[in-house]
C-alpha atoms as a PDB file:
ATOM      1  CA  UNK A   1     -40.963 -35.710-103.232  1.00  0.00           C
ATOM      2  CA  UNK A   2     -37.682 -35.447-101.334  1.00  0.00           C
ATOM      3  CA  UNK A   3     -39.057 -34.407 -97.917  1.00  0.00           C
ATOM      4  CA  UNK A   4     -39.169 -37.065 -95.229  1.00  0.00           C
ATOM      5  CA  UNK A   5     -42.739 -37.876 -94.238  1.00  0.00           C
ATOM      6  CA  UNK A   6     -44.482 -38.145 -90.834  1.00  0.00           C
ATOM      7  CA  UNK A   7     -43.586 -41.430 -89.174  1.00  0.00           C
ATOM      8  CA  UNK A   8     -40.099 -41.527 -90.710  1.00  0.00           C
ATOM      9  CA  UNK A   9     -37.123 -41.443 -88.379  1.00  0.00           C
ATOM     10  CA  UNK A  10     -33.989 -39.334 -88.468  1.00  0.00           C
ATOM     11  CA  UNK A  11     -31.345 -40.081 -85.889  1.00  0.00           C
ATOM     12  CA  UNK A  12     -33.124 -40.306 -82.499  1.00  0.00           C
ATOM     13  CA  UNK A  13     -36.229 -38.404 -83.667  1.00  0.00           C
ATOM     14  CA  UNK A  14     -39.555 -39.307 -85.267  1.00  0.00           C
ATOM     15  CA  UNK A  15     -40.976 -36.844 -87.782  1.00  0.00           C
ATOM     16  CA  UNK A  16     -44.404 -35.491 -86.806  1.00  0.00           C
ATOM     17  CA  UNK A  17     -44.908 -33.103 -89.728  1.00  0.00           C
ATOM     18  CA  UNK A  18     -43.194 -31.002 -92.376  1.00  0.00           C
ATOM     19  CA  UNK A  19     -43.285 -27.362 -91.252  1.00  0.00           C
ATOM     20  CA  UNK A  20     -41.905 -25.917 -94.468  1.00  0.00           C
ATOM     21  CA  UNK A  21     -39.419 -26.282 -97.285  1.00  0.00           C
ATOM     22  CA  UNK A  22     -37.375 -23.923 -99.388  1.00  0.00           C
ATOM     23  CA  UNK A  23     -34.558 -23.825-101.894  1.00  0.00           C
ATOM     24  CA  UNK A  24     -31.940 -24.866 -99.352  1.00  0.00           C
ATOM     25  CA  UNK A  25     -33.693 -27.119 -96.885  1.00  0.00           C
ATOM     26  CA  UNK A  26     -36.680 -28.701 -95.189  1.00  0.00           C
ATOM     27  CA  UNK A  27     -37.916 -27.940 -91.664  1.00  0.00           C
ATOM     28  CA  UNK A  28     -39.609 -30.652 -89.608  1.00  0.00           C
ATOM     29  CA  UNK A  29     -41.421 -30.841 -86.293  1.00  0.00           C
ATOM     30  CA  UNK A  30     -40.017 -33.960 -84.605  1.00  0.00           C
ATOM     31  CA  UNK A  31     -40.283 -35.851 -81.342  1.00  0.00           C
ATOM     32  CA  UNK A  32     -37.487 -37.579 -79.458  1.00  0.00           C
ATOM     33  CA  UNK A  33     -38.268 -41.282 -79.686  1.00  0.00           C
ATOM     34  CA  UNK A  34     -37.463 -42.169 -76.069  1.00  0.00           C
ATOM     35  CA  UNK A  35     -37.713 -38.918 -74.098  1.00  0.00           C
ATOM     36  CA  UNK A  36     -40.842 -37.599 -75.868  1.00  0.00           C
ATOM     37  CA  UNK A  37     -39.919 -33.897 -76.142  1.00  0.00           C
ATOM     38  CA  UNK A  38     -40.566 -32.004 -79.399  1.00  0.00           C
ATOM     39  CA  UNK A  39     -38.019 -29.919 -81.298  1.00  0.00           C
ATOM     40  CA  UNK A  40     -37.632 -28.471 -84.788  1.00  0.00           C
ATOM     41  CA  UNK A  41     -35.093 -30.004 -87.175  1.00  0.00           C
ATOM     42  CA  UNK A  42     -33.765 -28.351 -90.317  1.00  0.00           C
ATOM     43  CA  UNK A  43     -32.373 -30.672 -92.983  1.00  0.00           C
ATOM     44  CA  UNK A  44     -29.860 -29.470 -95.566  1.00  0.00           C
ATOM     45  CA  UNK A  45     -31.499 -30.432 -98.883  1.00  0.00           C
ATOM     46  CA  UNK A  46     -30.821 -27.889-101.673  1.00  0.00           C
ATOM     47  CA  UNK A  47     -33.472 -28.466-104.342  1.00  0.00           C
ATOM     48  CA  UNK A  48     -31.236 -27.316-107.199  1.00  0.00           C
ATOM     49  CA  UNK A  49     -28.376 -29.611-106.198  1.00  0.00           C
ATOM     50  CA  UNK A  50     -29.691 -32.767-104.558  1.00  0.00           C
ATOM     51  CA  UNK A  51     -32.533 -35.200-103.986  1.00  0.00           C
ATOM     52  CA  UNK A  52     -33.206 -38.249-101.834  1.00  0.00           C
ATOM     53  CA  UNK A  53     -32.572 -41.706-103.272  1.00  0.00           C
ATOM     54  CA  UNK A  54     -33.217 -44.809-101.142  1.00  0.00           C
ATOM     55  CA  UNK A  55     -32.980 -42.817 -97.936  1.00  0.00           C
ATOM     56  CA  UNK A  56     -29.818 -40.892 -98.814  1.00  0.00           C
ATOM     57  CA  UNK A  57     -29.418 -37.317-100.013  1.00  0.00           C
ATOM     58  CA  UNK A  58     -27.259 -37.360-103.141  1.00  0.00           C
ATOM     59  CA  UNK A  59     -26.299 -34.781-105.794  1.00  0.00           C
ATOM     60  CA  UNK A  60     -28.680 -34.570-108.750  1.00  0.00           C
ATOM     61  CA  UNK A  61     -25.841 -34.864-111.270  1.00  0.00           C
ATOM     62  CA  UNK A  62     -22.097 -35.460-111.225  1.00  0.00           C
ATOM     63  CA  UNK A  63     -21.379 -31.893-112.353  1.00  0.00           C
ATOM     64  CA  UNK A  64     -22.892 -30.405-109.170  1.00  0.00           C
ATOM     65  CA  UNK A  65     -21.240 -32.840-106.764  1.00  0.00           C
ATOM     66  CA  UNK A  66     -18.432 -30.442-105.801  1.00  0.00           C
ATOM     67  CA  UNK A  67     -20.843 -27.574-105.203  1.00  0.00           C
ATOM     68  CA  UNK A  68     -23.099 -29.818-103.110  1.00  0.00           C
ATOM     69  CA  UNK A  69     -20.180 -31.032-100.974  1.00  0.00           C
ATOM     70  CA  UNK A  70     -18.825 -27.495-100.452  1.00  0.00           C
ATOM     71  CA  UNK A  71     -22.260 -26.205 -99.474  1.00  0.00           C
ATOM     72  CA  UNK A  72     -22.843 -29.179 -97.160  1.00  0.00           C
ATOM     73  CA  UNK A  73     -19.496 -28.504 -95.465  1.00  0.00           C
ATOM     74  CA  UNK A  74     -20.501 -24.871 -94.917  1.00  0.00           C
ATOM     75  CA  UNK A  75     -23.846 -25.937 -93.467  1.00  0.00           C
ATOM     76  CA  UNK A  76     -22.026 -28.249 -91.026  1.00  0.00           C
ATOM     77  CA  UNK A  77     -19.575 -25.513 -90.043  1.00  0.00           C
ATOM     78  CA  UNK A  78     -22.351 -22.983 -89.581  1.00  0.00           C
ATOM     79  CA  UNK A  79     -24.462 -25.393 -87.526  1.00  0.00           C
ATOM     80  CA  UNK A  80     -21.512 -26.167 -85.266  1.00  0.00           C
ATOM     81  CA  UNK A  81     -20.861 -22.440 -84.850  1.00  0.00           C
ATOM     82  CA  UNK A  82     -24.511 -21.779 -83.968  1.00  0.00           C
ATOM     83  CA  UNK A  83     -24.206 -24.379 -81.212  1.00  0.00           C
ATOM     84  CA  UNK A  84     -21.898 -21.930 -79.447  1.00  0.00           C
ATOM     85  CA  UNK A  85     -24.485 -19.096 -79.505  1.00  0.00           C
ATOM     86  CA  UNK A  86     -26.589 -18.347 -76.462  1.00  0.00           C
ATOM     87  CA  UNK A  87     -28.636 -15.159 -76.725  1.00  0.00           C
ATOM     88  CA  UNK A  88     -32.271 -14.460 -75.818  1.00  0.00           C
ATOM     89  CA  UNK A  89     -32.973 -13.032 -79.295  1.00  0.00           C
ATOM     90  CA  UNK A  90     -31.527 -15.942 -81.278  1.00  0.00           C
ATOM     91  CA  UNK A  91     -33.357 -19.239 -81.702  1.00  0.00           C
ATOM     92  CA  UNK A  92     -31.646 -21.871 -79.575  1.00  0.00           C
ATOM     93  CA  UNK A  93     -29.773 -24.643 -81.419  1.00  0.00           C
ATOM     94  CA  UNK A  94     -29.457 -27.834 -79.370  1.00  0.00           C
ATOM     95  CA  UNK A  95     -27.573 -30.178 -81.622  1.00  0.00           C
ATOM     96  CA  UNK A  96     -26.201 -30.986 -85.075  1.00  0.00           C
ATOM     97  CA  UNK A  97     -25.962 -34.439 -86.580  1.00  0.00           C
ATOM     98  CA  UNK A  98     -25.068 -35.993 -89.886  1.00  0.00           C
ATOM     99  CA  UNK A  99     -27.000 -38.856 -91.417  1.00  0.00           C
ATOM    100  CA  UNK A 100     -28.099 -40.155 -94.794  1.00  0.00           C
ATOM    101  CA  UNK A 101     -25.617 -38.068 -96.764  1.00  0.00           C
ATOM    102  CA  UNK A 102     -26.642 -34.729 -95.308  1.00  0.00           C
ATOM    103  CA  UNK A 103     -26.680 -32.606 -92.142  1.00  0.00           C
ATOM    104  CA  UNK A 104     -29.360 -31.614 -89.638  1.00  0.00           C
ATOM    105  CA  UNK A 105     -29.785 -28.721 -87.209  1.00  0.00           C
ATOM    106  CA  UNK A 106     -31.913 -29.257 -84.079  1.00  0.00           C
ATOM    107  CA  UNK A 107     -33.622 -26.119 -82.760  1.00  0.00           C
ATOM    108  CA  UNK A 108     -35.947 -25.175 -79.918  1.00  0.00           C
ATOM    109  CA  UNK A 109     -39.648 -25.367 -80.777  1.00  0.00           C
ATOM    110  CA  UNK A 110     -41.263 -21.936 -80.486  1.00  0.00           C
ATOM    111  CA  UNK A 111     -44.902 -20.796 -80.472  1.00  0.00           C
ATOM    112  CA  UNK A 112     -45.947 -17.533 -82.083  1.00  0.00           C
ATOM    113  CA  UNK A 113     -45.665 -16.190 -85.607  1.00  0.00           C
ATOM    114  CA  UNK A 114     -43.245 -14.301 -87.812  1.00  0.00           C
ATOM    115  CA  UNK A 115     -43.043 -10.550 -88.254  1.00  0.00           C
ATOM    116  CA  UNK A 116     -44.211 -11.101 -91.821  1.00  0.00           C
ATOM    117  CA  UNK A 117     -47.313 -12.953 -90.566  1.00  0.00           C
ATOM    118  CA  UNK A 118     -48.115 -10.046 -88.229  1.00  0.00           C
ATOM    119  CA  UNK A 119     -47.628  -7.512 -91.013  1.00  0.00           C
ATOM    120  CA  UNK A 120     -49.782  -9.465 -93.482  1.00  0.00           C
ATOM    121  CA  UNK A 121     -52.519  -9.856 -90.868  1.00  0.00           C
ATOM    122  CA  UNK A 122     -52.633  -6.107 -90.230  1.00  0.00           C
ATOM    123  CA  UNK A 123     -52.698  -5.312 -93.947  1.00  0.00           C
ATOM    124  CA  UNK A 124     -55.560  -7.757 -94.428  1.00  0.00           C
ATOM    125  CA  UNK A 125     -57.594  -6.582 -91.433  1.00  0.00           C
ATOM    126  CA  UNK A 126     -56.854  -2.842 -91.387  1.00  0.00           C
ATOM    127  CA  UNK A 127     -55.650  -2.154 -94.947  1.00  0.00           C
ATOM    128  CA  UNK A 128     -52.569  -0.316 -93.712  1.00  0.00           C
ATOM    129  CA  UNK A 129     -48.880  -0.954 -93.199  1.00  0.00           C
ATOM    130  CA  UNK A 130     -47.144  -0.991 -89.821  1.00  0.00           C
ATOM    131  CA  UNK A 131     -46.237   2.185 -87.954  1.00  0.00           C
ATOM    132  CA  UNK A 132     -42.846   2.882 -86.416  1.00  0.00           C
ATOM    133  CA  UNK A 133     -44.486   2.840 -82.973  1.00  0.00           C
ATOM    134  CA  UNK A 134     -45.208  -0.863 -83.511  1.00  0.00           C
ATOM    135  CA  UNK A 135     -41.814  -1.729 -84.976  1.00  0.00           C
ATOM    136  CA  UNK A 136     -39.944   0.247 -82.300  1.00  0.00           C
ATOM    137  CA  UNK A 137     -41.051  -2.396 -79.771  1.00  0.00           C
ATOM    138  CA  UNK A 138     -39.603  -5.210 -81.883  1.00  0.00           C
ATOM    139  CA  UNK A 139     -36.379  -3.725 -83.207  1.00  0.00           C
ATOM    140  CA  UNK A 140     -34.297  -3.527 -79.984  1.00  0.00           C
ATOM    141  CA  UNK A 141     -34.288  -7.311 -79.589  1.00  0.00           C
ATOM    142  CA  UNK A 142     -33.524  -7.822 -83.295  1.00  0.00           C
ATOM    143  CA  UNK A 143     -30.610  -5.364 -83.104  1.00  0.00           C
ATOM    144  CA  UNK A 144     -29.285  -6.962 -79.913  1.00  0.00           C
ATOM    145  CA  UNK A 145     -29.342 -10.426 -81.478  1.00  0.00           C
ATOM    146  CA  UNK A 146     -27.505  -9.196 -84.573  1.00  0.00           C
ATOM    147  CA  UNK A 147     -24.944  -7.272 -82.518  1.00  0.00           C
ATOM    148  CA  UNK A 148     -24.200 -10.475 -80.589  1.00  0.00           C
ATOM    149  CA  UNK A 149     -23.755 -12.371 -83.889  1.00  0.00           C
ATOM    150  CA  UNK A 150     -21.542  -9.712 -85.434  1.00  0.00           C
ATOM    151  CA  UNK A 151     -19.306  -9.622 -82.372  1.00  0.00           C
ATOM    152  CA  UNK A 152     -18.624 -13.287 -83.125  1.00  0.00           C
ATOM    153  CA  UNK A 153     -17.976 -12.580 -86.822  1.00  0.00           C
ATOM    154  CA  UNK A 154     -21.254 -14.156 -87.939  1.00  0.00           C
ATOM    155  CA  UNK A 155     -23.285 -12.381 -90.628  1.00  0.00           C
ATOM    156  CA  UNK A 156     -26.907 -13.533 -90.983  1.00  0.00           C
ATOM    157  CA  UNK A 157     -27.269 -12.542 -94.685  1.00  0.00           C
ATOM    158  CA  UNK A 158     -30.985 -13.330 -94.907  1.00  0.00           C
ATOM    159  CA  UNK A 159     -32.670 -10.845 -92.581  1.00  0.00           C
ATOM    160  CA  UNK A 160     -36.307 -10.392 -93.600  1.00  0.00           C
ATOM    161  CA  UNK A 161     -39.719 -10.286 -91.887  1.00  0.00           C
ATOM    162  CA  UNK A 162     -40.143 -14.039 -92.364  1.00  0.00           C
ATOM    163  CA  UNK A 163     -36.910 -14.703 -90.460  1.00  0.00           C
ATOM    164  CA  UNK A 164     -37.888 -12.699 -87.387  1.00  0.00           C
ATOM    165  CA  UNK A 165     -40.080 -14.794 -85.122  1.00  0.00           C
ATOM    166  CA  UNK A 166     -42.290 -13.156 -82.494  1.00  0.00           C
ATOM    167  CA  UNK A 167     -42.621 -15.486 -79.533  1.00  0.00           C
ATOM    168  CA  UNK A 168     -46.152 -15.722 -78.151  1.00  0.00           C
ATOM    169  CA  UNK A 169     -46.580 -14.141 -74.726  1.00  0.00           C
ATOM    170  CA  UNK A 170     -47.542 -11.033 -72.805  1.00  0.00           C
ATOM    171  CA  UNK A 171     -44.433  -9.166 -74.009  1.00  0.00           C
ATOM    172  CA  UNK A 172     -43.067  -8.886 -77.548  1.00  0.00           C
ATOM    173  CA  UNK A 173     -39.996 -11.095 -77.810  1.00  0.00           C
ATOM    174  CA  UNK A 174     -38.336 -11.288 -81.257  1.00  0.00           C
ATOM    175  CA  UNK A 175     -36.042 -14.144 -82.255  1.00  0.00           C
ATOM    176  CA  UNK A 176     -33.710 -14.358 -85.234  1.00  0.00           C
ATOM    177  CA  UNK A 177     -34.386 -17.620 -87.070  1.00  0.00           C
ATOM    178  CA  UNK A 178     -33.286 -19.435 -90.228  1.00  0.00           C
ATOM    179  CA  UNK A 179     -29.499 -19.344 -90.263  1.00  0.00           C
ATOM    180  CA  UNK A 180     -29.120 -21.194 -93.571  1.00  0.00           C
ATOM    181  CA  UNK A 181     -27.260 -18.249 -95.105  1.00  0.00           C
ATOM    182  CA  UNK A 182     -24.993 -17.391 -92.180  1.00  0.00           C
ATOM    183  CA  UNK A 183     -21.459 -16.375 -93.143  1.00  0.00           C
ATOM    184  CA  UNK A 184     -18.868 -17.595 -90.659  1.00  0.00           C
ATOM    185  CA  UNK A 185     -15.890 -15.303 -90.268  1.00  0.00           C
ATOM    186  CA  UNK A 186     -14.498 -13.293 -93.146  1.00  0.00           C
ATOM    187  CA  UNK A 187     -13.457 -14.325 -96.576  1.00  0.00           C
ATOM    188  CA  UNK A 188     -15.481 -16.869 -98.480  1.00  0.00           C
ATOM    189  CA  UNK A 189     -17.577 -15.943-101.477  1.00  0.00           C
ATOM    190  CA  UNK A 190     -21.337 -15.668-101.274  1.00  0.00           C
ATOM    191  CA  UNK A 191     -21.774 -17.996-104.253  1.00  0.00           C
ATOM    192  CA  UNK A 192     -24.514 -20.573-103.618  1.00  0.00           C
ATOM    193  CA  UNK A 193     -25.477 -18.804-100.386  1.00  0.00           C
ATOM    194  CA  UNK A 194     -29.158 -18.469 -99.695  1.00  0.00           C
ATOM    195  CA  UNK A 195     -30.620 -14.985 -99.660  1.00  0.00           C
ATOM    196  CA  UNK A 196     -33.838 -13.198-100.553  1.00  0.00           C
ATOM    197  CA  UNK A 197     -33.098 -10.853-103.492  1.00  0.00           C
ATOM    198  CA  UNK A 198     -35.260  -7.898-102.430  1.00  0.00           C
ATOM    199  CA  UNK A 199     -33.410  -7.569 -99.094  1.00  0.00           C
ATOM    200  CA  UNK A 200     -29.973  -8.691-100.279  1.00  0.00           C
ATOM    201  CA  UNK A 201     -27.241  -6.072-100.647  1.00  0.00           C
ATOM    202  CA  UNK A 202     -25.218  -5.682-103.853  1.00  0.00           C
ATOM    203  CA  UNK A 203     -22.186  -7.333-102.267  1.00  0.00           C
ATOM    204  CA  UNK A 204     -24.178 -10.558-101.883  1.00  0.00           C
ATOM    205  CA  UNK A 205     -24.450 -10.907-105.653  1.00  0.00           C
ATOM    206  CA  UNK A 206     -21.067  -9.502-106.641  1.00  0.00           C
ATOM    207  CA  UNK A 207     -17.741 -10.312-105.018  1.00  0.00           C
ATOM    208  CA  UNK A 208     -16.367  -6.796-105.597  1.00  0.00           C
ATOM    209  CA  UNK A 209     -17.092  -5.719-102.012  1.00  0.00           C
ATOM    210  CA  UNK A 210     -16.675  -7.739 -98.798  1.00  0.00           C
ATOM    211  CA  UNK A 211     -19.647  -8.959 -96.796  1.00  0.00           C
ATOM    212  CA  UNK A 212     -19.902  -7.698 -93.223  1.00  0.00           C
ATOM    213  CA  UNK A 213     -22.269  -6.201 -90.618  1.00  0.00           C
ATOM    214  CA  UNK A 214     -23.225  -3.532 -93.196  1.00  0.00           C
ATOM    215  CA  UNK A 215     -24.796  -6.347 -95.262  1.00  0.00           C
ATOM    216  CA  UNK A 216     -27.324  -7.103 -92.507  1.00  0.00           C
ATOM    217  CA  UNK A 217     -27.812  -3.337 -92.007  1.00  0.00           C
ATOM    218  CA  UNK A 218     -28.958  -3.081 -95.638  1.00  0.00           C
ATOM    219  CA  UNK A 219     -31.465  -5.902 -95.204  1.00  0.00           C
ATOM    220  CA  UNK A 220     -32.877  -4.272 -92.062  1.00  0.00           C
ATOM    221  CA  UNK A 221     -33.251  -0.927 -93.855  1.00  0.00           C
ATOM    222  CA  UNK A 222     -35.078  -2.485 -96.801  1.00  0.00           C
ATOM    223  CA  UNK A 223     -37.259  -4.571 -94.468  1.00  0.00           C
ATOM    224  CA  UNK A 224     -38.322  -1.537 -92.422  1.00  0.00           C
ATOM    225  CA  UNK A 225     -39.008   0.464 -95.592  1.00  0.00           C
ATOM    226  CA  UNK A 226     -41.312  -2.277 -96.862  1.00  0.00           C
ATOM    227  CA  UNK A 227     -43.150  -2.768 -93.560  1.00  0.00           C
ATOM    228  CA  UNK A 228     -43.693   0.986 -93.088  1.00  0.00           C
ATOM    229  CA  UNK A 229     -44.876   1.733 -96.645  1.00  0.00           C
ATOM    230  CA  UNK A 230     -46.641  -1.481 -97.603  1.00  0.00           C
ATOM    231  CA  UNK A 231     -44.619  -1.503-100.813  1.00  0.00           C
ATOM    232  CA  UNK A 232     -41.827  -3.914-101.681  1.00  0.00           C
ATOM    233  CA  UNK A 233     -38.699  -2.086-102.899  1.00  0.00           C
ATOM    234  CA  UNK A 234     -36.898  -3.192-106.041  1.00  0.00           C
ATOM    235  CA  UNK A 235     -33.857  -5.428-105.560  1.00  0.00           C
ATOM    236  CA  UNK A 236     -30.457  -3.801-105.107  1.00  0.00           C
ATOM    237  CA  UNK A 237     -29.518  -4.970-108.611  1.00  0.00           C
ATOM    238  CA  UNK A 238     -32.611  -3.313-110.147  1.00  0.00           C
ATOM    239  CA  UNK A 239     -32.014  -0.155-108.127  1.00  0.00           C
ATOM    240  CA  UNK A 240     -28.401  -0.066-109.300  1.00  0.00           C
ATOM    241  CA  UNK A 241     -29.546  -0.419-112.921  1.00  0.00           C
ATOM    242  CA  UNK A 242     -31.755   2.655-112.599  1.00  0.00           C
ATOM    243  CA  UNK A 243     -28.995   4.687-110.931  1.00  0.00           C
ATOM    244  CA  UNK A 244     -26.483   3.646-113.617  1.00  0.00           C
ATOM    245  CA  UNK A 245     -28.958   4.789-116.284  1.00  0.00           C
ATOM    246  CA  UNK A 246     -28.937   8.257-114.708  1.00  0.00           C
ATOM    247  CA  UNK A 247     -32.013   7.933-112.543  1.00  0.00           C
ATOM    248  CA  UNK A 248     -32.580   8.309-108.802  1.00  0.00           C
ATOM    249  CA  UNK A 249     -32.490   5.259-106.560  1.00  0.00           C
ATOM    250  CA  UNK A 250     -36.211   4.285-106.473  1.00  0.00           C
ATOM    251  CA  UNK A 251     -36.071   3.465-102.758  1.00  0.00           C
ATOM    252  CA  UNK A 252     -35.722   7.215-102.100  1.00  0.00           C
ATOM    253  CA  UNK A 253     -39.377   7.881-103.005  1.00  0.00           C
ATOM    254  CA  UNK A 254     -40.539   5.208-100.540  1.00  0.00           C
ATOM    255  CA  UNK A 255     -38.354   6.675 -97.805  1.00  0.00           C
ATOM    256  CA  UNK A 256     -39.740  10.153 -98.580  1.00  0.00           C
ATOM    257  CA  UNK A 257     -43.199   8.746 -97.832  1.00  0.00           C
ATOM    258  CA  UNK A 258     -41.862   7.520 -94.466  1.00  0.00           C
ATOM    259  CA  UNK A 259     -40.468  11.000 -93.734  1.00  0.00           C
ATOM    260  CA  UNK A 260     -43.941  12.479 -94.359  1.00  0.00           C
ATOM    261  CA  UNK A 261     -45.805   9.858 -92.315  1.00  0.00           C
ATOM    262  CA  UNK A 262     -43.314   9.242 -89.516  1.00  0.00           C
ATOM    263  CA  UNK A 263     -40.262  11.477 -89.081  1.00  0.00           C
ATOM    264  CA  UNK A 264     -37.230  12.894 -90.852  1.00  0.00           C
ATOM    265  CA  UNK A 265     -35.021  11.108 -88.306  1.00  0.00           C
ATOM    266  CA  UNK A 266     -36.419   7.707 -89.243  1.00  0.00           C
ATOM    267  CA  UNK A 267     -36.251   8.440 -92.973  1.00  0.00           C
ATOM    268  CA  UNK A 268     -32.649   9.613 -92.755  1.00  0.00           C
ATOM    269  CA  UNK A 269     -31.660   6.453 -90.848  1.00  0.00           C
ATOM    270  CA  UNK A 270     -33.262   4.255 -93.508  1.00  0.00           C
ATOM    271  CA  UNK A 271     -31.610   6.221 -96.311  1.00  0.00           C
ATOM    272  CA  UNK A 272     -28.215   5.653 -94.686  1.00  0.00           C
ATOM    273  CA  UNK A 273     -28.979   1.974 -94.084  1.00  0.00           C
ATOM    274  CA  UNK A 274     -30.025   1.210 -97.667  1.00  0.00           C
ATOM    275  CA  UNK A 275     -27.205   2.861 -99.611  1.00  0.00           C
ATOM    276  CA  UNK A 276     -26.237   0.649-102.550  1.00  0.00           C
ATOM    277  CA  UNK A 277     -22.481   1.042-102.072  1.00  0.00           C
ATOM    278  CA  UNK A 278     -21.477  -0.663 -98.811  1.00  0.00           C
ATOM    279  CA  UNK A 279     -18.880   1.968 -97.944  1.00  0.00           C
ATOM    280  CA  UNK A 280     -21.546   4.688 -98.037  1.00  0.00           C
ATOM    281  CA  UNK A 281     -23.849   2.703 -95.772  1.00  0.00           C
ATOM    282  CA  UNK A 282     -24.106   2.613 -91.983  1.00  0.00           C
ATOM    283  CA  UNK A 283     -21.339   0.182 -91.072  1.00  0.00           C
ATOM    284  CA  UNK A 284     -22.687  -1.520 -87.978  1.00  0.00           C
ATOM    285  CA  UNK A 285     -25.822  -2.371 -86.036  1.00  0.00           C
ATOM    286  CA  UNK A 286     -24.667   0.064 -83.335  1.00  0.00           C
ATOM    287  CA  UNK A 287     -24.600   2.889 -85.911  1.00  0.00           C
ATOM    288  CA  UNK A 288     -28.076   1.950 -87.109  1.00  0.00           C
ATOM    289  CA  UNK A 289     -29.346   1.803 -83.535  1.00  0.00           C
ATOM    290  CA  UNK A 290     -28.048   5.322 -82.859  1.00  0.00           C
ATOM    291  CA  UNK A 291     -29.596   6.648 -86.083  1.00  0.00           C
ATOM    292  CA  UNK A 292     -33.092   5.217 -85.471  1.00  0.00           C
ATOM    293  CA  UNK A 293     -35.608   7.222 -83.369  1.00  0.00           C
ATOM    294  CA  UNK A 294     -35.683   6.245 -79.697  1.00  0.00           C
END
C-alpha cells in the first residue's frame, strides 16, 4: 500500500484520513500540526509509474524514470499555476510543496457532494435521470469557472460529474475540482495525462489535433448527455470507429431522446458540443453558453 496512513506527517500537516485514490494520485484530509485547521492535500503518486519506498516516492522501474520525472514536473508547474487562480467556481489552492520525492497540492476543505453523487442518488431514489431544469441551475457556475480558466490558457481536460463539486448550502454553488489533468498553455502532448475515456475528446488520445477550450466543451456535452438520458455514451474512439465503418455517431440517438424529452434547442447545442472532429465543434465555453437554453 503506497498511500500514507492516518497519523503520518507530510510537511507541516498530519494525515487524518485518506479521502480517495486514483491512477494519478492520492487525496488526504489533513490538519495543520500547530494551527489546527483542516485542508485537503493531493499527492502526486501515479500507480503505473511509482510507489513509496522507505518514505520516498520512487519510479517502479528504471525504464519509467523519465516519464515519472516529466509528469512530476508538469504536476509542479500546474500546481504553481493553480495558486494564481482565484474564482468562486474553482476550488481554492492554498499551497504547493515538494517532499519525499514527489509534490503536493493543498486545497480548501469543502462540504457537500459531487454532481455524480447527486445524479446517482436521484437515479436510485426516483429511477430517473436529471432534467435540464435541474442542471440549468448548476451549469452557469461551471461555465464561468471554465471561462476563467480558458482566459488564462488552462484547459481542465477531465471535466466529468465526479469533478464538479456542489458545495452544501441554501444555494447551489458548483466548484471545479481535481486539476490533475490540467494543460498549461499551448503545445505539449497529452501523453500520460489523466482523463476519463468516456468524456475525453479524440484530440486527447491522438496528437493530430491541438487541445484547447473545445476539448472541455466536448466533455461538457458528453456529461450533459449522460446525466439527461441516464445512459453512458461510448468513448470518442468507439464512436469514431462506428462512423468510420459507415455508421451514424451513436451519441446522436441519445441526443434525439433529449430533443423529445427536453427541447430541440438543448439537443442541437449538445450535438454541436460533442462533434468528434474538434474543428466542427463549438469552439469555446461562450459559444456553448449561447447555444444552451436560458
